[in-house]
Amino acid sequence: MFKGFKDFLMRGNVVDLAVAVVIGTSFAAVVKTFVDLLMSLIGKLGGQPDFTGWQPYELPLGAFVTALVAFLIVAAVVYFVVVMPLNKLAERRARGVEPKTTAPSEEVALLTEIRDVLRARG
């Protein structure tokens, strides 16, 4: 009865999606606090913490300006923290240059050596 459900949950894409949602939610919180920090700094230059109170000609343009600046900050963070590094990695892989990996620990090297000796014995 539960075998189909278990198989569904254990599929790689479901687990990958769950991990992506958790990481994405955490990353969103970091980006939001960064945006709040920058918005506060930008608002201090103008004398107020945000622009929502700005209403030239009685038009609520301040809320739009606040949302626009926040969007630009989020887009910049995503571009410089996620997109740009991934593009550089893809370019390196296209040229055949793999990123440098750290050398295995002494334990891993020893276990690999033991494995190879046992494999050679048959």
C-alpha atoms as a PDB file:
ATOM      1  CA  MET A   1       0.000   0.000   0.000  1.00  0.00           C
ATOM      2  CA  PHE A   2       2.751   2.452   0.944  1.00  0.00           C
ATOM      3  CA  LYS A   3       5.346   1.109  -1.500  1.00  0.00           C
ATOM      4  CA  GLY A   4       4.229   3.461  -4.284  1.00  0.00           C
ATOM      5  CA  PHE A   5       4.271   6.417  -1.899  1.00  0.00           C
ATOM      6  CA  LYS A   6       7.730   5.447  -0.620  1.00  0.00           C
ATOM      7  CA  ASP A   7       9.005   5.087  -4.204  1.00  0.00           C
ATOM      8  CA  PHE A   8       7.568   8.515  -5.024  1.00  0.00           C
ATOM      9  CA  LEU A   9       9.291  10.142  -2.045  1.00  0.00           C
ATOM     10  CA  MET A  10      12.603   8.458  -2.705  1.00  0.00           C
ATOM     11  CA  ARG A  11      12.816   9.614  -6.326  1.00  0.00           C
ATOM     12  CA  GLY A  12      15.767  11.905  -6.810  1.00  0.00           C
ATOM     13  CA  ASN A  13      13.777  14.824  -8.173  1.00  0.00           C
ATOM     14  CA  VAL A  14      11.450  14.986  -5.148  1.00  0.00           C
ATOM     15  CA  VAL A  15      14.362  15.029  -2.723  1.00  0.00           C
ATOM     16  CA  ASP A  16      16.229  17.558  -4.890  1.00  0.00           C
ATOM     17  CA  LEU A  17      13.153  19.766  -5.001  1.00  0.00           C
ATOM     18  CA  ALA A  18      12.751  19.606  -1.221  1.00  0.00           C
ATOM     19  CA  VAL A  19      16.391  20.569  -0.721  1.00  0.00           C
ATOM     20  CA  ALA A  20      16.037  23.405  -3.245  1.00  0.00           C
ATOM     21  CA  VAL A  21      12.978  24.772  -1.423  1.00  0.00           C
ATOM     22  CA  VAL A  22      14.724  24.694   1.955  1.00  0.00           C
ATOM     23  CA  ILE A  23      17.902  26.300   0.608  1.00  0.00           C
ATOM     24  CA  GLY A  24      15.883  28.823  -1.406  1.00  0.00           C
ATOM     25  CA  THR A  25      13.861  29.820   1.635  1.00  0.00           C
ATOM     26  CA  SER A  26      17.000  30.277   3.687  1.00  0.00           C
ATOM     27  CA  PHE A  27      18.687  32.260   0.899  1.00  0.00           C
ATOM     28  CA  ALA A  28      15.572  34.430   0.578  1.00  0.00           C
ATOM     29  CA  ALA A  29      15.807  35.329   4.275  1.00  0.00           C
ATOM     30  CA  VAL A  30      19.458  36.341   3.847  1.00  0.00           C
ATOM     31  CA  VAL A  31      18.649  38.426   0.773  1.00  0.00           C
ATOM     32  CA  LYS A  32      15.676  40.068   2.523  1.00  0.00           C
ATOM     33  CA  THR A  33      17.790  41.168   5.485  1.00  0.00           C
ATOM     34  CA  PHE A  34      20.445  42.477   3.077  1.00  0.00           C
ATOM     35  CA  VAL A  35      17.768  44.413   1.180  1.00  0.00           C
ATOM     36  CA  ASP A  36      16.405  45.806   4.447  1.00  0.00           C
ATOM     37  CA  LEU A  37      19.903  46.903   5.427  1.00  0.00           C
ATOM     38  CA  LEU A  38      20.544  48.640   2.103  1.00  0.00           C
ATOM     39  CA  MET A  39      17.069  50.196   2.044  1.00  0.00           C
ATOM     40  CA  SER A  40      17.681  51.590   5.509  1.00  0.00           C
ATOM     41  CA  LEU A  41      20.987  53.076   4.394  1.00  0.00           C
ATOM     42  CA  ILE A  42      19.426  54.528   1.248  1.00  0.00           C
ATOM     43  CA  GLY A  43      16.515  55.878   3.290  1.00  0.00           C
ATOM     44  CA  LYS A  44      18.873  57.564   5.733  1.00  0.00           C
ATOM     45  CA  LEU A  45      20.394  59.505   2.852  1.00  0.00           C
ATOM     46  CA  GLY A  46      16.918  60.823   2.091  1.00  0.00           C
ATOM     47  CA  GLY A  47      16.031  61.429   5.727  1.00  0.00           C
ATOM     48  CA  GLN A  48      13.503  58.606   6.135  1.00  0.00           C
ATOM     49  CA  PRO A  49      13.863  54.822   6.497  1.00  0.00           C
ATOM     50  CA  ASP A  50      11.896  54.103   3.314  1.00  0.00           C
ATOM     51  CA  PHE A  51      10.144  55.948   0.533  1.00  0.00           C
ATOM     52  CA  THR A  52       6.547  54.862   1.154  1.00  0.00           C
ATOM     53  CA  GLY A  53       5.644  58.247   2.623  1.00  0.00           C
ATOM     54  CA  TRP A  54       6.799  60.080  -0.509  1.00  0.00           C
ATOM     55  CA  GLN A  55       3.729  61.263  -2.415  1.00  0.00           C
ATOM     56  CA  PRO A  56       4.515  63.970  -4.955  1.00  0.00           C
ATOM     57  CA  TYR A  57       1.312  65.508  -6.348  1.00  0.00           C
ATOM     58  CA  GLU A  58      -0.558  63.180  -3.962  1.00  0.00           C
ATOM     59  CA  LEU A  59       0.444  60.118  -5.978  1.00  0.00           C
ATOM     60  CA  PRO A  60       1.714  57.154  -3.926  1.00  0.00           C
ATOM     61  CA  LEU A  61       5.004  56.881  -5.820  1.00  0.00           C
ATOM     62  CA  GLY A  62       7.024  56.139  -2.697  1.00  0.00           C
ATOM     63  CA  ALA A  63       5.736  52.578  -2.367  1.00  0.00           C
ATOM     64  CA  PHE A  64       6.604  51.949  -6.013  1.00  0.00           C
ATOM     65  CA  VAL A  65      10.100  53.421  -5.597  1.00  0.00           C
ATOM     66  CA  THR A  66      10.658  51.294  -2.477  1.00  0.00           C
ATOM     67  CA  ALA A  67       9.550  48.132  -4.293  1.00  0.00           C
ATOM     68  CA  LEU A  68      11.653  49.015  -7.344  1.00  0.00           C
ATOM     69  CA  VAL A  69      14.822  49.641  -5.328  1.00  0.00           C
ATOM     70  CA  ALA A  70      14.248  46.429  -3.342  1.00  0.00           C
ATOM     71  CA  PHE A  71      13.787  44.490  -6.594  1.00  0.00           C
ATOM     72  CA  LEU A  72      17.001  45.907  -8.047  1.00  0.00           C
ATOM     73  CA  ILE A  73      18.922  44.956  -4.900  1.00  0.00           C
ATOM     74  CA  VAL A  74      17.502  41.406  -4.955  1.00  0.00           C
ATOM     75  CA  ALA A  75      18.293  41.069  -8.664  1.00  0.00           C
ATOM     76  CA  ALA A  76      21.864  42.264  -8.080  1.00  0.00           C
ATOM     77  CA  VAL A  77      22.385  39.853  -5.181  1.00  0.00           C
ATOM     78  CA  VAL A  78      21.032  36.901  -7.183  1.00  0.00           C
ATOM     79  CA  TYR A  79      23.125  37.853 -10.210  1.00  0.00           C
ATOM     80  CA  PHE A  80      26.410  38.379  -8.387  1.00  0.00           C
ATOM     81  CA  VAL A  81      26.043  35.548  -5.849  1.00  0.00           C
ATOM     82  CA  VAL A  82      24.366  32.844  -7.976  1.00  0.00           C
ATOM     83  CA  VAL A  83      24.269  33.551 -11.720  1.00  0.00           C
ATOM     84  CA  MET A  84      27.739  34.982 -12.303  1.00  0.00           C
ATOM     85  CA  PRO A  85      29.647  32.227 -10.417  1.00  0.00           C
ATOM     86  CA  LEU A  86      27.611  29.506 -12.149  1.00  0.00           C
ATOM     87  CA  ASN A  87      28.256  31.094 -15.561  1.00  0.00           C
ATOM     88  CA  LYS A  88      32.006  31.185 -14.850  1.00  0.00           C
ATOM     89  CA  LEU A  89      31.911  27.545 -13.777  1.00  0.00           C
ATOM     90  CA  ALA A  90      30.034  26.591 -16.967  1.00  0.00           C
ATOM     91  CA  GLU A  91      32.607  28.482 -19.073  1.00  0.00           C
ATOM     92  CA  ARG A  92      35.473  26.633 -17.367  1.00  0.00           C
ATOM     93  CA  ARG A  93      33.790  23.288 -17.924  1.00  0.00           C
ATOM     94  CA  ALA A  94      33.147  24.163 -21.579  1.00  0.00           C
ATOM     95  CA  ARG A  95      36.891  24.829 -21.967  1.00  0.00           C
ATOM     96  CA  GLY A  96      37.622  21.496 -20.275  1.00  0.00           C
ATOM     97  CA  VAL A  97      38.984  23.008 -17.072  1.00  0.00           C
ATOM     98  CA  GLU A  98      37.402  21.456 -14.031  1.00  0.00           C
ATOM     99  CA  PRO A  99      37.365  23.412 -10.771  1.00  0.00           C
ATOM    100  CA  LYS A 100      40.126  22.575  -8.344  1.00  0.00           C
ATOM    101  CA  THR A 101      39.181  20.045  -5.735  1.00  0.00           C
ATOM    102  CA  THR A 102      40.839  19.628  -2.391  1.00  0.00           C
ATOM    103  CA  ALA A 103      43.112  16.667  -1.873  1.00  0.00           C
ATOM    104  CA  PRO A 104      41.464  13.762  -0.079  1.00  0.00           C
ATOM    105  CA  SER A 105      42.123  13.443   3.618  1.00  0.00           C
ATOM    106  CA  GLU A 106      44.713  10.978   4.882  1.00  0.00           C
ATOM    107  CA  GLU A 107      41.957   8.581   5.925  1.00  0.00           C
ATOM    108  CA  VAL A 108      40.360   8.644   2.480  1.00  0.00           C
ATOM    109  CA  ALA A 109      43.735   8.166   0.777  1.00  0.00           C
ATOM    110  CA  LEU A 110      44.521   5.219   3.061  1.00  0.00           C
ATOM    111  CA  LEU A 111      41.113   3.616   2.502  1.00  0.00           C
ATOM    112  CA  THR A 112      41.505   4.081  -1.251  1.00  0.00           C
ATOM    113  CA  GLU A 113      44.922   2.407  -1.121  1.00  0.00           C
ATOM    114  CA  ILE A 114      43.509  -0.515   0.899  1.00  0.00           C
ATOM    115  CA  ARG A 115      40.639  -0.863  -1.564  1.00  0.00           C
ATOM    116  CA  ASP A 116      43.032  -0.943  -4.513  1.00  0.00           C
ATOM    117  CA  VAL A 117      45.246  -3.597  -2.853  1.00  0.00           C
ATOM    118  CA  LEU A 118      42.223  -5.767  -2.046  1.00  0.00           C
ATOM    119  CA  ARG A 119      40.917  -5.361  -5.576  1.00  0.00           C
ATOM    120  CA  ALA A 120      44.309  -6.360  -7.002  1.00  0.00           C
ATOM    121  CA  ARG A 121      44.341  -9.565  -4.906  1.00  0.00           C
ATOM    122  CA  GLY A 122      41.110 -10.610  -6.564  1.00  0.00           C
END
